[in-house]
Amino acid sequence: MKRTDPVPIRQIWVLCFFLGLVMLNFPFIQIFNQSSTVFGFPILFLYLFIGWPMSIFVIYLFTRQLDKGDKTEGSESNKERE
């Protein structure tokens, strides 16, 4: 059975790519490139070392959701065969 998602998966991956690209480009890097610190760490350092793992975690959650969808579709198709 084919997946009937309202938004194609390819578009979501492209969106994730462009959000990551924007996150690591001029406007956001310049916003966080300040001389102030939080707990002794520069804000740019915290932005990169917290923002990057958070974006990876969001992509991980997205792929887990896709895997759950594939497993439920597989069990539905097995039921239809019986």
C-alpha atoms as a PDB file:
ATOM      1  CA  MET A   1       0.000   0.000   0.000  1.00  0.00           C
ATOM      2  CA  LYS A   2       1.352   3.434  -0.904  1.00  0.00           C
ATOM      3  CA  ARG A   3       1.894   6.121   1.693  1.00  0.00           C
ATOM      4  CA  THR A   4      -0.613   8.981   1.410  1.00  0.00           C
ATOM      5  CA  ASP A   5       1.098  11.691   3.449  1.00  0.00           C
ATOM      6  CA  PRO A   6      -0.167  15.243   2.968  1.00  0.00           C
ATOM      7  CA  VAL A   7       3.413  16.482   2.528  1.00  0.00           C
ATOM      8  CA  PRO A   8       5.842  14.374   0.515  1.00  0.00           C
ATOM      9  CA  ILE A   9       8.804  13.127   2.504  1.00  0.00           C
ATOM     10  CA  ARG A  10      11.287  14.555   0.014  1.00  0.00           C
ATOM     11  CA  GLN A  11      10.014  18.070   0.678  1.00  0.00           C
ATOM     12  CA  ILE A  12      10.493  17.594   4.422  1.00  0.00           C
ATOM     13  CA  TRP A  13      14.113  16.512   3.884  1.00  0.00           C
ATOM     14  CA  VAL A  14      14.730  19.543   1.664  1.00  0.00           C
ATOM     15  CA  LEU A  15      13.202  21.763   4.348  1.00  0.00           C
ATOM     16  CA  CYS A  16      15.494  20.237   7.009  1.00  0.00           C
ATOM     17  CA  PHE A  17      18.503  20.836   4.762  1.00  0.00           C
ATOM     18  CA  PHE A  18      17.653  24.483   4.124  1.00  0.00           C
ATOM     19  CA  LEU A  19      16.883  25.155   7.790  1.00  0.00           C
ATOM     20  CA  GLY A  20      20.306  23.765   8.693  1.00  0.00           C
ATOM     21  CA  LEU A  21      21.899  25.861   5.975  1.00  0.00           C
ATOM     22  CA  VAL A  22      20.207  29.024   7.232  1.00  0.00           C
ATOM     23  CA  MET A  23      21.134  28.143  10.804  1.00  0.00           C
ATOM     24  CA  LEU A  24      24.830  28.119   9.886  1.00  0.00           C
ATOM     25  CA  ASN A  25      24.842  31.225   7.660  1.00  0.00           C
ATOM     26  CA  PHE A  26      25.288  34.956   8.080  1.00  0.00           C
ATOM     27  CA  PRO A  27      22.122  36.243   9.771  1.00  0.00           C
ATOM     28  CA  PHE A  28      22.055  33.763  12.623  1.00  0.00           C
ATOM     29  CA  ILE A  29      25.807  33.524  13.107  1.00  0.00           C
ATOM     30  CA  GLN A  30      25.995  37.328  13.279  1.00  0.00           C
ATOM     31  CA  ILE A  31      23.143  37.496  15.809  1.00  0.00           C
ATOM     32  CA  PHE A  32      24.955  35.134  18.173  1.00  0.00           C
ATOM     33  CA  ASN A  33      28.466  36.502  17.551  1.00  0.00           C
ATOM     34  CA  GLN A  34      28.586  38.752  20.614  1.00  0.00           C
ATOM     35  CA  SER A  35      31.210  39.393  23.232  1.00  0.00           C
ATOM     36  CA  SER A  36      28.877  38.452  26.106  1.00  0.00           C
ATOM     37  CA  THR A  37      29.033  35.048  27.768  1.00  0.00           C
ATOM     38  CA  VAL A  38      26.673  32.624  29.509  1.00  0.00           C
ATOM     39  CA  PHE A  39      28.293  30.642  32.323  1.00  0.00           C
ATOM     40  CA  GLY A  40      31.662  31.720  30.922  1.00  0.00           C
ATOM     41  CA  PHE A  41      30.984  30.402  27.410  1.00  0.00           C
ATOM     42  CA  PRO A  42      30.617  32.736  24.401  1.00  0.00           C
ATOM     43  CA  ILE A  43      27.080  32.829  23.016  1.00  0.00           C
ATOM     44  CA  LEU A  44      28.236  31.763  19.530  1.00  0.00           C
ATOM     45  CA  PHE A  45      29.910  28.683  21.027  1.00  0.00           C
ATOM     46  CA  LEU A  46      26.696  27.747  22.848  1.00  0.00           C
ATOM     47  CA  TYR A  47      24.606  28.379  19.732  1.00  0.00           C
ATOM     48  CA  LEU A  48      26.740  26.046  17.640  1.00  0.00           C
ATOM     49  CA  PHE A  49      27.252  23.330  20.250  1.00  0.00           C
ATOM     50  CA  ILE A  50      23.618  23.272  21.379  1.00  0.00           C
ATOM     51  CA  GLY A  51      21.882  24.156  18.094  1.00  0.00           C
ATOM     52  CA  TRP A  52      23.712  21.591  15.985  1.00  0.00           C
ATOM     53  CA  PRO A  53      22.906  18.574  18.224  1.00  0.00           C
ATOM     54  CA  MET A  54      19.332  19.798  18.568  1.00  0.00           C
ATOM     55  CA  SER A  55      18.933  19.849  14.776  1.00  0.00           C
ATOM     56  CA  ILE A  56      20.395  16.340  14.583  1.00  0.00           C
ATOM     57  CA  PHE A  57      17.950  15.226  17.289  1.00  0.00           C
ATOM     58  CA  VAL A  58      14.984  16.653  15.368  1.00  0.00           C
ATOM     59  CA  ILE A  59      16.078  14.766  12.244  1.00  0.00           C
ATOM     60  CA  TYR A  60      16.479  11.622  14.358  1.00  0.00           C
ATOM     61  CA  LEU A  61      12.916  11.997  15.658  1.00  0.00           C
ATOM     62  CA  PHE A  62      11.683  12.513  12.097  1.00  0.00           C
ATOM     63  CA  THR A  63      13.365   9.324  10.879  1.00  0.00           C
ATOM     64  CA  ARG A  64      12.020   7.366  13.855  1.00  0.00           C
ATOM     65  CA  GLN A  65       8.522   8.542  12.943  1.00  0.00           C
ATOM     66  CA  LEU A  66       9.092   7.388   9.361  1.00  0.00           C
ATOM     67  CA  ASP A  67      10.247   3.978  10.582  1.00  0.00           C
ATOM     68  CA  LYS A  68       7.124   3.605  12.731  1.00  0.00           C
ATOM     69  CA  GLY A  69       4.988   4.436   9.707  1.00  0.00           C
ATOM     70  CA  ASP A  70       6.790   1.829   7.605  1.00  0.00           C
ATOM     71  CA  LYS A  71       6.319  -0.862  10.247  1.00  0.00           C
ATOM     72  CA  THR A  72       2.598  -0.186  10.634  1.00  0.00           C
ATOM     73  CA  GLU A  73       2.132  -0.187   6.859  1.00  0.00           C
ATOM     74  CA  GLY A  74       3.968  -3.497   6.659  1.00  0.00           C
ATOM     75  CA  SER A  75       1.701  -5.084   9.259  1.00  0.00           C
ATOM     76  CA  GLU A  76      -1.396  -3.723   7.478  1.00  0.00           C
ATOM     77  CA  SER A  77      -0.264  -5.191   4.159  1.00  0.00           C
ATOM     78  CA  ASN A  78       0.390  -8.545   5.827  1.00  0.00           C
ATOM     79  CA  LYS A  79      -3.150  -8.538   7.206  1.00  0.00           C
ATOM     80  CA  GLU A  80      -4.536  -7.808   3.759  1.00  0.00           C
ATOM     81  CA  ARG A  81      -2.648 -10.765   2.279  1.00  0.00           C
ATOM     82  CA  GLU A  82      -4.193 -13.186   4.773  1.00  0.00           C
END
